[in-house]
Amino acid sequence: MSSNRGSILQVVLVIFLILFTSIFSYCTLVTRQYELTRYQRMMNEQRRIEILLRRHWRSTIDQDILLSDTYEIEESIISYTVDDDGKDYLIDCDITTKSYHYTMQVKIDMETLDMYECIYGH
């Protein structure tokens, strides 16, 4: 009778360990999925802001010269400084949204108005 009791406890222990490992793995996967979704949302927001800034800078350059300014897009505040080195505009942006804050450095060719370098910082 004691050998049956020992083997039953071993079976219960193995089942418990398998169940615990499964629950832990599932929780880890859910946590990582949440982090990836949050990161993807942040990247999409950065991309959207970058596109809107390009449009704003291009229309400003077409109408006038590009000067340092503060620009508001929905719930984001962008402060940027413009430096003219002769053939490029060098723009340093300080971007603040309701959920995060980051910087961006941009180079725009003066002749073609193409943005050929964009570096993000935090």
PDB file of N, CA and C in Angstrom:
ATOM      1  N   MET A   1       0.812  -1.179   0.000  1.00  0.00           N
ATOM      2  CA  MET A   1       0.000   0.000   0.000  1.00  0.00           C
ATOM      3  C   MET A   1       0.868   1.260   0.000  1.00  0.00           C
ATOM      4  N   SER A   2       1.996   1.262   0.684  1.00  0.00           N
ATOM      5  CA  SER A   2       2.855   2.445   0.726  1.00  0.00           C
ATOM      6  C   SER A   2       3.511   2.686  -0.632  1.00  0.00           C
ATOM      7  N   SER A   3       3.780   1.643  -1.420  1.00  0.00           N
ATOM      8  CA  SER A   3       4.385   1.843  -2.744  1.00  0.00           C
ATOM      9  C   SER A   3       3.370   2.484  -3.690  1.00  0.00           C
ATOM     10  N   ASN A   4       2.064   2.131  -3.535  1.00  0.00           N
ATOM     11  CA  ASN A   4       1.035   2.773  -4.364  1.00  0.00           C
ATOM     12  C   ASN A   4       0.909   4.249  -4.011  1.00  0.00           C
ATOM     13  N   ARG A   5       0.982   4.541  -2.708  1.00  0.00           N
ATOM     14  CA  ARG A   5       0.857   5.918  -2.262  1.00  0.00           C
ATOM     15  C   ARG A   5       2.034   6.750  -2.798  1.00  0.00           C
ATOM     16  N   GLY A   6       3.245   6.205  -2.799  1.00  0.00           N
ATOM     17  CA  GLY A   6       4.430   6.902  -3.318  1.00  0.00           C
ATOM     18  C   GLY A   6       4.322   7.156  -4.808  1.00  0.00           C
ATOM     19  N   SER A   7       3.861   6.165  -5.576  1.00  0.00           N
ATOM     20  CA  SER A   7       3.761   6.355  -7.021  1.00  0.00           C
ATOM     21  C   SER A   7       2.629   7.330  -7.361  1.00  0.00           C
ATOM     22  N   ILE A   8       1.556   7.352  -6.585  1.00  0.00           N
ATOM     23  CA  ILE A   8       0.461   8.303  -6.819  1.00  0.00           C
ATOM     24  C   ILE A   8       0.959   9.727  -6.552  1.00  0.00           C
ATOM     25  N   LEU A   9       1.746   9.895  -5.481  1.00  0.00           N
ATOM     26  CA  LEU A   9       2.303  11.223  -5.198  1.00  0.00           C
ATOM     27  C   LEU A   9       3.255  11.678  -6.299  1.00  0.00           C
ATOM     28  N   GLN A  10       4.023  10.761  -6.850  1.00  0.00           N
ATOM     29  CA  GLN A  10       4.925  11.108  -7.945  1.00  0.00           C
ATOM     30  C   GLN A  10       4.140  11.531  -9.191  1.00  0.00           C
ATOM     31  N   VAL A  11       3.065  10.815  -9.497  1.00  0.00           N
ATOM     32  CA  VAL A  11       2.229  11.155 -10.647  1.00  0.00           C
ATOM     33  C   VAL A  11       1.584  12.520 -10.442  1.00  0.00           C
ATOM     34  N   VAL A  12       1.074  12.770  -9.240  1.00  0.00           N
ATOM     35  CA  VAL A  12       0.454  14.060  -8.946  1.00  0.00           C
ATOM     36  C   VAL A  12       1.501  15.180  -9.054  1.00  0.00           C
ATOM     37  N   LEU A  13       2.706  14.928  -8.545  1.00  0.00           N
ATOM     38  CA  LEU A  13       3.773  15.916  -8.625  1.00  0.00           C
ATOM     39  C   LEU A  13       4.143  16.212 -10.079  1.00  0.00           C
ATOM     40  N   VAL A  14       4.278  15.203 -10.906  1.00  0.00           N
ATOM     41  CA  VAL A  14       4.604  15.400 -12.323  1.00  0.00           C
ATOM     42  C   VAL A  14       3.486  16.181 -13.028  1.00  0.00           C
ATOM     43  N   ILE A  15       2.242  15.833 -12.749  1.00  0.00           N
ATOM     44  CA  ILE A  15       1.111  16.563 -13.345  1.00  0.00           C
ATOM     45  C   ILE A  15       1.128  18.016 -12.889  1.00  0.00           C
ATOM     46  N   PHE A  16       1.397  18.243 -11.614  1.00  0.00           N
ATOM     47  CA  PHE A  16       1.468  19.608 -11.102  1.00  0.00           C
ATOM     48  C   PHE A  16       2.590  20.395 -11.776  1.00  0.00           C
ATOM     49  N   LEU A  17       3.762  19.781 -11.932  1.00  0.00           N
ATOM     50  CA  LEU A  17       4.880  20.466 -12.589  1.00  0.00           C
ATOM     51  C   LEU A  17       4.565  20.784 -14.056  1.00  0.00           C
ATOM     52  N   ILE A  18       3.946  19.869 -14.761  1.00  0.00           N
ATOM     53  CA  ILE A  18       3.565  20.110 -16.156  1.00  0.00           C
ATOM     54  C   ILE A  18       2.541  21.237 -16.231  1.00  0.00           C
ATOM     55  N   LEU A  19       1.566  21.226 -15.361  1.00  0.00           N
ATOM     56  CA  LEU A  19       0.555  22.276 -15.331  1.00  0.00           C
ATOM     57  C   LEU A  19       1.176  23.632 -15.005  1.00  0.00           C
ATOM     58  N   PHE A  20       2.060  23.675 -14.007  1.00  0.00           N
ATOM     59  CA  PHE A  20       2.724  24.919 -13.634  1.00  0.00           C
ATOM     60  C   PHE A  20       3.579  25.461 -14.771  1.00  0.00           C
ATOM     61  N   THR A  21       4.329  24.584 -15.437  1.00  0.00           N
ATOM     62  CA  THR A  21       5.163  24.992 -16.572  1.00  0.00           C
ATOM     63  C   THR A  21       4.310  25.524 -17.716  1.00  0.00           C
ATOM     64  N   SER A  22       3.193  24.901 -17.982  1.00  0.00           N
ATOM     65  CA  SER A  22       2.297  25.360 -19.046  1.00  0.00           C
ATOM     66  C   SER A  22       1.723  26.732 -18.734  1.00  0.00           C
ATOM     67  N   ILE A  23       1.278  26.931 -17.512  1.00  0.00           N
ATOM     68  CA  ILE A  23       0.709  28.233 -17.121  1.00  0.00           C
ATOM     69  C   ILE A  23       1.788  29.311 -17.164  1.00  0.00           C
ATOM     70  N   PHE A  24       2.976  29.006 -16.682  1.00  0.00           N
ATOM     71  CA  PHE A  24       4.075  29.976 -16.705  1.00  0.00           C
ATOM     72  C   PHE A  24       4.452  30.340 -18.143  1.00  0.00           C
ATOM     73  N   SER A  25       4.527  29.351 -19.023  1.00  0.00           N
ATOM     74  CA  SER A  25       4.855  29.610 -20.431  1.00  0.00           C
ATOM     75  C   SER A  25       3.779  30.470 -21.086  1.00  0.00           C
ATOM     76  N   TYR A  26       2.531  30.180 -20.811  1.00  0.00           N
ATOM     77  CA  TYR A  26       1.433  30.967 -21.381  1.00  0.00           C
ATOM     78  C   TYR A  26       1.494  32.421 -20.900  1.00  0.00           C
ATOM     79  N   CYS A  27       1.738  32.618 -19.610  1.00  0.00           N
ATOM     80  CA  CYS A  27       1.837  33.985 -19.082  1.00  0.00           C
ATOM     81  C   CYS A  27       3.014  34.736 -19.702  1.00  0.00           C
ATOM     82  N   THR A  28       4.130  34.067 -19.904  1.00  0.00           N
ATOM     83  CA  THR A  28       5.291  34.687 -20.541  1.00  0.00           C
ATOM     84  C   THR A  28       4.964  35.091 -21.969  1.00  0.00           C
ATOM     85  N   LEU A  29       4.283  34.221 -22.701  1.00  0.00           N
ATOM     86  CA  LEU A  29       3.893  34.543 -24.075  1.00  0.00           C
ATOM     87  C   LEU A  29       2.934  35.723 -24.140  1.00  0.00           C
ATOM     88  N   VAL A  30       1.988  35.782 -23.241  1.00  0.00           N
ATOM     89  CA  VAL A  30       1.039  36.894 -23.210  1.00  0.00           C
ATOM     90  C   VAL A  30       1.766  38.201 -22.889  1.00  0.00           C
ATOM     91  N   THR A  31       2.693  38.168 -21.952  1.00  0.00           N
ATOM     92  CA  THR A  31       3.455  39.364 -21.597  1.00  0.00           C
ATOM     93  C   THR A  31       4.287  39.859 -22.775  1.00  0.00           C
ATOM     94  N   ARG A  32       4.951  38.958 -23.447  1.00  0.00           N
ATOM     95  CA  ARG A  32       5.756  39.351 -24.612  1.00  0.00           C
ATOM     96  C   ARG A  32       4.888  39.876 -25.745  1.00  0.00           C
ATOM     97  N   GLN A  33       3.745  39.283 -25.955  1.00  0.00           N
ATOM     98  CA  GLN A  33       2.826  39.763 -26.991  1.00  0.00           C
ATOM     99  C   GLN A  33       2.362  41.181 -26.677  1.00  0.00           C
ATOM    100  N   TYR A  34       2.085  41.455 -25.408  1.00  0.00           N
ATOM    101  CA  TYR A  34       1.687  42.806 -24.994  1.00  0.00           C
ATOM    102  C   TYR A  34       2.809  43.808 -25.258  1.00  0.00           C
ATOM    103  N   GLU A  35       4.047  43.433 -24.911  1.00  0.00           N
ATOM    104  CA  GLU A  35       5.185  44.315 -25.137  1.00  0.00           C
ATOM    105  C   GLU A  35       5.390  44.567 -26.622  1.00  0.00           C
ATOM    106  N   LEU A  36       5.275  43.532 -27.441  1.00  0.00           N
ATOM    107  CA  LEU A  36       5.429  43.694 -28.888  1.00  0.00           C
ATOM    108  C   LEU A  36       4.334  44.583 -29.467  1.00  0.00           C
ATOM    109  N   THR A  37       3.118  44.439 -28.991  1.00  0.00           N
ATOM    110  CA  THR A  37       2.018  45.274 -29.463  1.00  0.00           C
ATOM    111  C   THR A  37       2.256  46.725 -29.083  1.00  0.00           C
ATOM    112  N   ARG A  38       2.727  46.970 -27.878  1.00  0.00           N
ATOM    113  CA  ARG A  38       3.032  48.328 -27.435  1.00  0.00           C
ATOM    114  C   ARG A  38       4.170  48.929 -28.259  1.00  0.00           C
ATOM    115  N   TYR A  39       5.201  48.144 -28.532  1.00  0.00           N
ATOM    116  CA  TYR A  39       6.319  48.604 -29.354  1.00  0.00           C
ATOM    117  C   TYR A  39       5.861  48.903 -30.784  1.00  0.00           C
ATOM    118  N   GLN A  40       5.011  48.053 -31.330  1.00  0.00           N
ATOM    119  CA  GLN A  40       4.486  48.270 -32.674  1.00  0.00           C
ATOM    120  C   GLN A  40       3.650  49.549 -32.730  1.00  0.00           C
ATOM    121  N   ARG A  41       2.849  49.799 -31.722  1.00  0.00           N
ATOM    122  CA  ARG A  41       2.050  51.020 -31.653  1.00  0.00           C
ATOM    123  C   ARG A  41       2.959  52.251 -31.603  1.00  0.00           C
ATOM    124  N   MET A  42       4.040  52.174 -30.817  1.00  0.00           N
ATOM    125  CA  MET A  42       4.985  53.277 -30.719  1.00  0.00           C
ATOM    126  C   MET A  42       5.673  53.523 -32.065  1.00  0.00           C
ATOM    127  N   MET A  43       6.080  52.463 -32.755  1.00  0.00           N
ATOM    128  CA  MET A  43       6.725  52.605 -34.062  1.00  0.00           C
ATOM    129  C   MET A  43       5.769  53.205 -35.088  1.00  0.00           C
ATOM    130  N   ASN A  44       4.530  52.799 -35.071  1.00  0.00           N
ATOM    131  CA  ASN A  44       3.544  53.365 -35.984  1.00  0.00           C
ATOM    132  C   ASN A  44       3.320  54.846 -35.703  1.00  0.00           C
ATOM    133  N   GLU A  45       3.305  55.218 -34.430  1.00  0.00           N
ATOM    134  CA  GLU A  45       3.148  56.626 -34.055  1.00  0.00           C
ATOM    135  C   GLU A  45       4.349  57.442 -34.526  1.00  0.00           C
ATOM    136  N   GLN A  46       5.552  56.913 -34.353  1.00  0.00           N
ATOM    137  CA  GLN A  46       6.748  57.607 -34.819  1.00  0.00           C
ATOM    138  C   GLN A  46       6.729  57.769 -36.342  1.00  0.00           C
ATOM    139  N   ARG A  47       6.330  56.727 -37.044  1.00  0.00           N
ATOM    140  CA  ARG A  47       6.250  56.782 -38.501  1.00  0.00           C
ATOM    141  C   ARG A  47       5.233  57.818 -38.954  1.00  0.00           C
ATOM    142  N   ARG A  48       4.099  57.863 -38.285  1.00  0.00           N
ATOM    143  CA  ARG A  48       3.051  58.820 -38.626  1.00  0.00           C
ATOM    144  C   ARG A  48       3.535  60.250 -38.399  1.00  0.00           C
ATOM    145  N   ILE A  49       4.197  60.491 -37.269  1.00  0.00           N
ATOM    146  CA  ILE A  49       4.727  61.823 -36.977  1.00  0.00           C
ATOM    147  C   ILE A  49       5.793  62.202 -38.004  1.00  0.00           C
ATOM    148  N   GLU A  50       6.639  61.260 -38.368  1.00  0.00           N
ATOM    149  CA  GLU A  50       7.673  61.529 -39.365  1.00  0.00           C
ATOM    150  C   GLU A  50       7.052  61.929 -40.708  1.00  0.00           C
ATOM    151  N   ILE A  51       6.008  61.248 -41.120  1.00  0.00           N
ATOM    152  CA  ILE A  51       5.333  61.573 -42.386  1.00  0.00           C
ATOM    153  C   ILE A  51       4.691  62.952 -42.316  1.00  0.00           C
ATOM    154  N   LEU A  52       4.026  63.251 -41.206  1.00  0.00           N
ATOM    155  CA  LEU A  52       3.399  64.568 -41.066  1.00  0.00           C
ATOM    156  C   LEU A  52       4.437  65.688 -41.017  1.00  0.00           C
ATOM    157  N   LEU A  53       5.572  65.437 -40.363  1.00  0.00           N
ATOM    158  CA  LEU A  53       6.631  66.440 -40.335  1.00  0.00           C
ATOM    159  C   LEU A  53       7.220  66.668 -41.722  1.00  0.00           C
ATOM    160  N   ARG A  54       7.426  65.591 -42.465  1.00  0.00           N
ATOM    161  CA  ARG A  54       7.919  65.739 -43.839  1.00  0.00           C
ATOM    162  C   ARG A  54       6.986  66.626 -44.658  1.00  0.00           C
ATOM    163  N   ARG A  55       5.700  66.354 -44.558  1.00  0.00           N
ATOM    164  CA  ARG A  55       4.712  67.144 -45.294  1.00  0.00           C
ATOM    165  C   ARG A  55       4.759  68.609 -44.849  1.00  0.00           C
ATOM    166  N   HIS A  56       4.843  68.837 -43.548  1.00  0.00           N
ATOM    167  CA  HIS A  56       4.905  70.203 -43.017  1.00  0.00           C
ATOM    168  C   HIS A  56       6.162  70.924 -43.497  1.00  0.00           C
ATOM    169  N   TRP A  57       7.320  70.254 -43.401  1.00  0.00           N
ATOM    170  CA  TRP A  57       8.566  70.881 -43.822  1.00  0.00           C
ATOM    171  C   TRP A  57       8.566  71.167 -45.325  1.00  0.00           C
ATOM    172  N   ARG A  58       8.056  70.234 -46.086  1.00  0.00           N
ATOM    173  CA  ARG A  58       8.031  70.423 -47.545  1.00  0.00           C
ATOM    174  C   ARG A  58       7.152  71.608 -47.925  1.00  0.00           C
ATOM    175  N   SER A  59       5.969  71.706 -47.330  1.00  0.00           N
ATOM    176  CA  SER A  59       5.093  72.832 -47.655  1.00  0.00           C
ATOM    177  C   SER A  59       5.698  74.147 -47.171  1.00  0.00           C
ATOM    178  N   THR A  60       6.386  74.132 -46.027  1.00  0.00           N
ATOM    179  CA  THR A  60       7.051  75.339 -45.534  1.00  0.00           C
ATOM    180  C   THR A  60       8.179  75.752 -46.473  1.00  0.00           C
ATOM    181  N   ILE A  61       8.964  74.794 -46.937  1.00  0.00           N
ATOM    182  CA  ILE A  61      10.068  75.088 -47.851  1.00  0.00           C
ATOM    183  C   ILE A  61       9.520  75.606 -49.182  1.00  0.00           C
ATOM    184  N   ASP A  62       8.431  75.037 -49.679  1.00  0.00           N
ATOM    185  CA  ASP A  62       7.833  75.485 -50.945  1.00  0.00           C
ATOM    186  C   ASP A  62       7.332  76.915 -50.847  1.00  0.00           C
ATOM    187  N   GLN A  63       6.802  77.314 -49.692  1.00  0.00           N
ATOM    188  CA  GLN A  63       6.230  78.646 -49.532  1.00  0.00           C
ATOM    189  C   GLN A  63       7.249  79.676 -49.057  1.00  0.00           C
ATOM    190  N   ASP A  64       8.216  79.251 -48.276  1.00  0.00           N
ATOM    191  CA  ASP A  64       9.129  80.187 -47.638  1.00  0.00           C
ATOM    192  C   ASP A  64      10.400  79.428 -47.283  1.00  0.00           C
ATOM    193  N   ILE A  65      11.199  79.949 -46.386  1.00  0.00           N
ATOM    194  CA  ILE A  65      12.380  79.230 -45.913  1.00  0.00           C
ATOM    195  C   ILE A  65      12.032  78.489 -44.623  1.00  0.00           C
ATOM    196  N   LEU A  66      12.761  77.424 -44.373  1.00  0.00           N
ATOM    197  CA  LEU A  66      12.516  76.596 -43.189  1.00  0.00           C
ATOM    198  C   LEU A  66      13.252  77.184 -41.995  1.00  0.00           C
ATOM    199  N   LEU A  67      12.501  77.531 -40.972  1.00  0.00           N
ATOM    200  CA  LEU A  67      13.061  78.099 -39.743  1.00  0.00           C
ATOM    201  C   LEU A  67      12.712  77.209 -38.555  1.00  0.00           C
ATOM    202  N   SER A  68      13.455  77.378 -37.467  1.00  0.00           N
ATOM    203  CA  SER A  68      13.163  76.637 -36.236  1.00  0.00           C
ATOM    204  C   SER A  68      11.785  77.028 -35.731  1.00  0.00           C
ATOM    205  N   ASP A  69      11.074  76.044 -35.162  1.00  0.00           N
ATOM    206  CA  ASP A  69       9.693  76.312 -34.763  1.00  0.00           C
ATOM    207  C   ASP A  69       9.232  75.230 -33.788  1.00  0.00           C
ATOM    208  N   THR A  70       8.064  75.433 -33.238  1.00  0.00           N
ATOM    209  CA  THR A  70       7.363  74.421 -32.451  1.00  0.00           C
ATOM    210  C   THR A  70       6.092  74.087 -33.200  1.00  0.00           C
ATOM    211  N   TYR A  71       5.840  72.807 -33.362  1.00  0.00           N
ATOM    212  CA  TYR A  71       4.728  72.340 -34.178  1.00  0.00           C
ATOM    213  C   TYR A  71       3.910  71.357 -33.354  1.00  0.00           C
ATOM    214  N   GLU A  72       2.599  71.487 -33.394  1.00  0.00           N
ATOM    215  CA  GLU A  72       1.720  70.577 -32.653  1.00  0.00           C
ATOM    216  C   GLU A  72       0.914  69.736 -33.632  1.00  0.00           C
ATOM    217  N   ILE A  73       0.955  68.440 -33.411  1.00  0.00           N
ATOM    218  CA  ILE A  73       0.176  67.492 -34.205  1.00  0.00           C
ATOM    219  C   ILE A  73      -0.675  66.707 -33.220  1.00  0.00           C
ATOM    220  N   GLU A  74      -1.971  66.909 -33.272  1.00  0.00           N
ATOM    221  CA  GLU A  74      -2.906  66.239 -32.372  1.00  0.00           C
ATOM    222  C   GLU A  74      -2.438  66.354 -30.922  1.00  0.00           C
ATOM    223  N   GLU A  75      -1.933  65.273 -30.328  1.00  0.00           N
ATOM    224  CA  GLU A  75      -1.499  65.297 -28.932  1.00  0.00           C
ATOM    225  C   GLU A  75       0.022  65.285 -28.801  1.00  0.00           C
ATOM    226  N   SER A  76       0.730  65.618 -29.881  1.00  0.00           N
ATOM    227  CA  SER A  76       2.188  65.625 -29.872  1.00  0.00           C
ATOM    228  C   SER A  76       2.697  67.046 -30.033  1.00  0.00           C
ATOM    229  N   ILE A  77       3.766  67.362 -29.314  1.00  0.00           N
ATOM    230  CA  ILE A  77       4.413  68.663 -29.423  1.00  0.00           C
ATOM    231  C   ILE A  77       5.828  68.425 -29.934  1.00  0.00           C
ATOM    232  N   ILE A  78       6.146  69.050 -31.071  1.00  0.00           N
ATOM    233  CA  ILE A  78       7.444  68.882 -31.697  1.00  0.00           C
ATOM    234  C   ILE A  78       8.151  70.229 -31.741  1.00  0.00           C
ATOM    235  N   SER A  79       9.291  70.287 -31.097  1.00  0.00           N
ATOM    236  CA  SER A  79      10.148  71.479 -31.176  1.00  0.00           C
ATOM    237  C   SER A  79      11.333  71.099 -32.045  1.00  0.00           C
ATOM    238  N   TYR A  80      11.607  71.902 -33.069  1.00  0.00           N
ATOM    239  CA  TYR A  80      12.730  71.569 -33.928  1.00  0.00           C
ATOM    240  C   TYR A  80      13.561  72.806 -34.221  1.00  0.00           C
ATOM    241  N   THR A  81      14.852  72.559 -34.363  1.00  0.00           N
ATOM    242  CA  THR A  81      15.788  73.610 -34.745  1.00  0.00           C
ATOM    243  C   THR A  81      16.389  73.239 -36.092  1.00  0.00           C
ATOM    244  N   VAL A  82      16.526  74.237 -36.951  1.00  0.00           N
ATOM    245  CA  VAL A  82      17.009  74.013 -38.307  1.00  0.00           C
ATOM    246  C   VAL A  82      18.377  74.652 -38.459  1.00  0.00           C
ATOM    247  N   ASP A  83      19.313  73.900 -39.015  1.00  0.00           N
ATOM    248  CA  ASP A  83      20.645  74.405 -39.317  1.00  0.00           C
ATOM    249  C   ASP A  83      20.882  74.206 -40.806  1.00  0.00           C
ATOM    250  N   ASP A  84      21.335  75.241 -41.477  1.00  0.00           N
ATOM    251  CA  ASP A  84      21.571  75.216 -42.916  1.00  0.00           C
ATOM    252  C   ASP A  84      23.072  75.124 -43.143  1.00  0.00           C
ATOM    253  N   ASP A  85      23.540  74.003 -43.715  1.00  0.00           N
ATOM    254  CA  ASP A  85      24.983  73.872 -43.938  1.00  0.00           C
ATOM    255  C   ASP A  85      25.373  74.105 -45.398  1.00  0.00           C
ATOM    256  N   GLY A  86      24.497  74.679 -46.184  1.00  0.00           N
ATOM    257  CA  GLY A  86      24.808  74.998 -47.573  1.00  0.00           C
ATOM    258  C   GLY A  86      24.097  74.104 -48.562  1.00  0.00           C
ATOM    259  N   LYS A  87      24.172  72.793 -48.391  1.00  0.00           N
ATOM    260  CA  LYS A  87      23.478  71.890 -49.300  1.00  0.00           C
ATOM    261  C   LYS A  87      22.414  71.051 -48.598  1.00  0.00           C
ATOM    262  N   ASP A  88      22.393  71.054 -47.286  1.00  0.00           N
ATOM    263  CA  ASP A  88      21.427  70.275 -46.522  1.00  0.00           C
ATOM    264  C   ASP A  88      20.805  71.113 -45.416  1.00  0.00           C
ATOM    265  N   TYR A  89      19.591  70.746 -45.054  1.00  0.00           N
ATOM    266  CA  TYR A  89      18.993  71.226 -43.814  1.00  0.00           C
ATOM    267  C   TYR A  89      19.275  70.171 -42.758  1.00  0.00           C
ATOM    268  N   LEU A  90      19.851  70.547 -41.641  1.00  0.00           N
ATOM    269  CA  LEU A  90      20.073  69.648 -40.515  1.00  0.00           C
ATOM    270  C   LEU A  90      19.055  70.026 -39.444  1.00  0.00           C
ATOM    271  N   ILE A  91      18.146  69.116 -39.142  1.00  0.00           N
ATOM    272  CA  ILE A  91      17.039  69.416 -38.244  1.00  0.00           C
ATOM    273  C   ILE A  91      17.126  68.519 -37.013  1.00  0.00           C
ATOM    274  N   ASP A  92      17.134  69.135 -35.832  1.00  0.00           N
ATOM    275  CA  ASP A  92      17.091  68.407 -34.562  1.00  0.00           C
ATOM    276  C   ASP A  92      15.695  68.583 -33.974  1.00  0.00           C
ATOM    277  N   CYS A  93      15.015  67.478 -33.776  1.00  0.00           N
ATOM    278  CA  CYS A  93      13.633  67.513 -33.264  1.00  0.00           C
ATOM    279  C   CYS A  93      13.586  66.973 -31.844  1.00  0.00           C
ATOM    280  N   ASP A  94      12.739  67.572 -31.041  1.00  0.00           N
ATOM    281  CA  ASP A  94      12.445  67.115 -29.689  1.00  0.00           C
ATOM    282  C   ASP A  94      10.940  66.837 -29.664  1.00  0.00           C
ATOM    283  N   ILE A  95      10.562  65.572 -29.620  1.00  0.00           N
ATOM    284  CA  ILE A  95       9.170  65.171 -29.783  1.00  0.00           C
ATOM    285  C   ILE A  95       8.630  64.637 -28.463  1.00  0.00           C
ATOM    286  N   THR A  96       7.498  65.203 -28.031  1.00  0.00           N
ATOM    287  CA  THR A  96       6.849  64.787 -26.798  1.00  0.00           C
ATOM    288  C   THR A  96       5.408  64.414 -27.101  1.00  0.00           C
ATOM    289  N   THR A  97       5.033  63.200 -26.746  1.00  0.00           N
ATOM    290  CA  THR A  97       3.651  62.758 -26.870  1.00  0.00           C
ATOM    291  C   THR A  97       3.125  62.485 -25.460  1.00  0.00           C
ATOM    292  N   LYS A  98       1.879  62.051 -25.375  1.00  0.00           N
ATOM    293  CA  LYS A  98       1.323  61.792 -24.041  1.00  0.00           C
ATOM    294  C   LYS A  98       1.940  60.564 -23.379  1.00  0.00           C
ATOM    295  N   SER A  99       2.546  59.672 -24.159  1.00  0.00           N
ATOM    296  CA  SER A  99       3.076  58.446 -23.565  1.00  0.00           C
ATOM    297  C   SER A  99       4.604  58.331 -23.582  1.00  0.00           C
ATOM    298  N   TYR A 100       5.302  59.121 -24.392  1.00  0.00           N
ATOM    299  CA  TYR A 100       6.756  59.010 -24.425  1.00  0.00           C
ATOM    300  C   TYR A 100       7.383  60.286 -24.972  1.00  0.00           C
ATOM    301  N   HIS A 101       8.718  60.336 -24.863  1.00  0.00           N
ATOM    302  CA  HIS A 101       9.508  61.487 -25.301  1.00  0.00           C
ATOM    303  C   HIS A 101      10.738  60.953 -26.028  1.00  0.00           C
ATOM    304  N   TYR A 102      11.046  61.503 -27.205  1.00  0.00           N
ATOM    305  CA  TYR A 102      12.231  61.075 -27.928  1.00  0.00           C
ATOM    306  C   TYR A 102      12.741  62.207 -28.801  1.00  0.00           C
ATOM    307  N   THR A 103      13.945  62.009 -29.360  1.00  0.00           N
ATOM    308  CA  THR A 103      14.559  62.992 -30.241  1.00  0.00           C
ATOM    309  C   THR A 103      14.750  62.371 -31.617  1.00  0.00           C
ATOM    310  N   MET A 104      14.887  63.242 -32.606  1.00  0.00           N
ATOM    311  CA  MET A 104      15.088  62.781 -33.974  1.00  0.00           C
ATOM    312  C   MET A 104      15.992  63.791 -34.674  1.00  0.00           C
ATOM    313  N   GLN A 105      16.987  63.307 -35.393  1.00  0.00           N
ATOM    314  CA  GLN A 105      17.852  64.163 -36.192  1.00  0.00           C
ATOM    315  C   GLN A 105      17.629  63.813 -37.649  1.00  0.00           C
ATOM    316  N   VAL A 106      17.411  64.852 -38.465  1.00  0.00           N
ATOM    317  CA  VAL A 106      17.037  64.654 -39.862  1.00  0.00           C
ATOM    318  C   VAL A 106      17.946  65.482 -40.752  1.00  0.00           C
ATOM    319  N   LYS A 107      18.297  64.932 -41.920  1.00  0.00           N
ATOM    320  CA  LYS A 107      18.997  65.686 -42.957  1.00  0.00           C
ATOM    321  C   LYS A 107      18.117  65.702 -44.200  1.00  0.00           C
ATOM    322  N   ILE A 108      17.883  66.914 -44.730  1.00  0.00           N
ATOM    323  CA  ILE A 108      17.075  67.082 -45.934  1.00  0.00           C
ATOM    324  C   ILE A 108      17.933  67.777 -46.981  1.00  0.00           C
ATOM    325  N   ASP A 109      18.000  67.184 -48.177  1.00  0.00           N
ATOM    326  CA  ASP A 109      18.727  67.787 -49.282  1.00  0.00           C
ATOM    327  C   ASP A 109      17.983  69.034 -49.747  1.00  0.00           C
ATOM    328  N   MET A 110      18.691  70.160 -49.909  1.00  0.00           N
ATOM    329  CA  MET A 110      18.038  71.423 -50.258  1.00  0.00           C
ATOM    330  C   MET A 110      17.522  71.440 -51.705  1.00  0.00           C
ATOM    331  N   GLU A 111      18.182  70.732 -52.597  1.00  0.00           N
ATOM    332  CA  GLU A 111      17.785  70.768 -54.004  1.00  0.00           C
ATOM    333  C   GLU A 111      16.598  69.851 -54.280  1.00  0.00           C
ATOM    334  N   THR A 112      16.681  68.607 -53.824  1.00  0.00           N
ATOM    335  CA  THR A 112      15.624  67.631 -54.119  1.00  0.00           C
ATOM    336  C   THR A 112      14.559  67.561 -53.035  1.00  0.00           C
ATOM    337  N   LEU A 113      14.862  68.127 -51.861  1.00  0.00           N
ATOM    338  CA  LEU A 113      13.980  68.073 -50.684  1.00  0.00           C
ATOM    339  C   LEU A 113      13.708  66.648 -50.208  1.00  0.00           C
ATOM    340  N   ASP A 114      14.665  65.754 -50.455  1.00  0.00           N
ATOM    341  CA  ASP A 114      14.567  64.372 -49.984  1.00  0.00           C
ATOM    342  C   ASP A 114      15.203  64.264 -48.602  1.00  0.00           C
ATOM    343  N   MET A 115      14.524  63.549 -47.722  1.00  0.00           N
ATOM    344  CA  MET A 115      15.069  63.281 -46.393  1.00  0.00           C
ATOM    345  C   MET A 115      15.895  62.006 -46.514  1.00  0.00           C
ATOM    346  N   TYR A 116      17.211  62.134 -46.392  1.00  0.00           N
ATOM    347  CA  TYR A 116      18.058  60.960 -46.629  1.00  0.00           C
ATOM    348  C   TYR A 116      18.707  60.415 -45.368  1.00  0.00           C
ATOM    349  N   GLU A 117      18.502  61.065 -44.220  1.00  0.00           N
ATOM    350  CA  GLU A 117      19.032  60.522 -42.973  1.00  0.00           C
ATOM    351  C   GLU A 117      18.090  60.887 -41.842  1.00  0.00           C
ATOM    352  N   CYS A 118      17.737  59.889 -41.059  1.00  0.00           N
ATOM    353  CA  CYS A 118      16.842  60.103 -39.920  1.00  0.00           C
ATOM    354  C   CYS A 118      17.323  59.213 -38.784  1.00  0.00           C
ATOM    355  N   ILE A 119      17.753  59.845 -37.684  1.00  0.00           N
ATOM    356  CA  ILE A 119      18.303  59.110 -36.551  1.00  0.00           C
ATOM    357  C   ILE A 119      17.432  59.393 -35.330  1.00  0.00           C
ATOM    358  N   TYR A 120      16.951  58.316 -34.701  1.00  0.00           N
ATOM    359  CA  TYR A 120      16.124  58.450 -33.507  1.00  0.00           C
ATOM    360  C   TYR A 120      16.968  58.275 -32.257  1.00  0.00           C
ATOM    361  N   GLY A 121      16.616  59.006 -31.197  1.00  0.00           N
ATOM    362  CA  GLY A 121      17.269  58.863 -29.907  1.00  0.00           C
ATOM    363  C   GLY A 121      16.213  58.947 -28.812  1.00  0.00           C
ATOM    364  N   HIS A 122      16.584  58.542 -27.607  1.00  0.00           N
ATOM    365  CA  HIS A 122      15.605  58.564 -26.505  1.00  0.00           C
ATOM    366  C   HIS A 122      16.113  59.332 -25.341  1.00  0.00           C
TER     367      HIS A 122
END
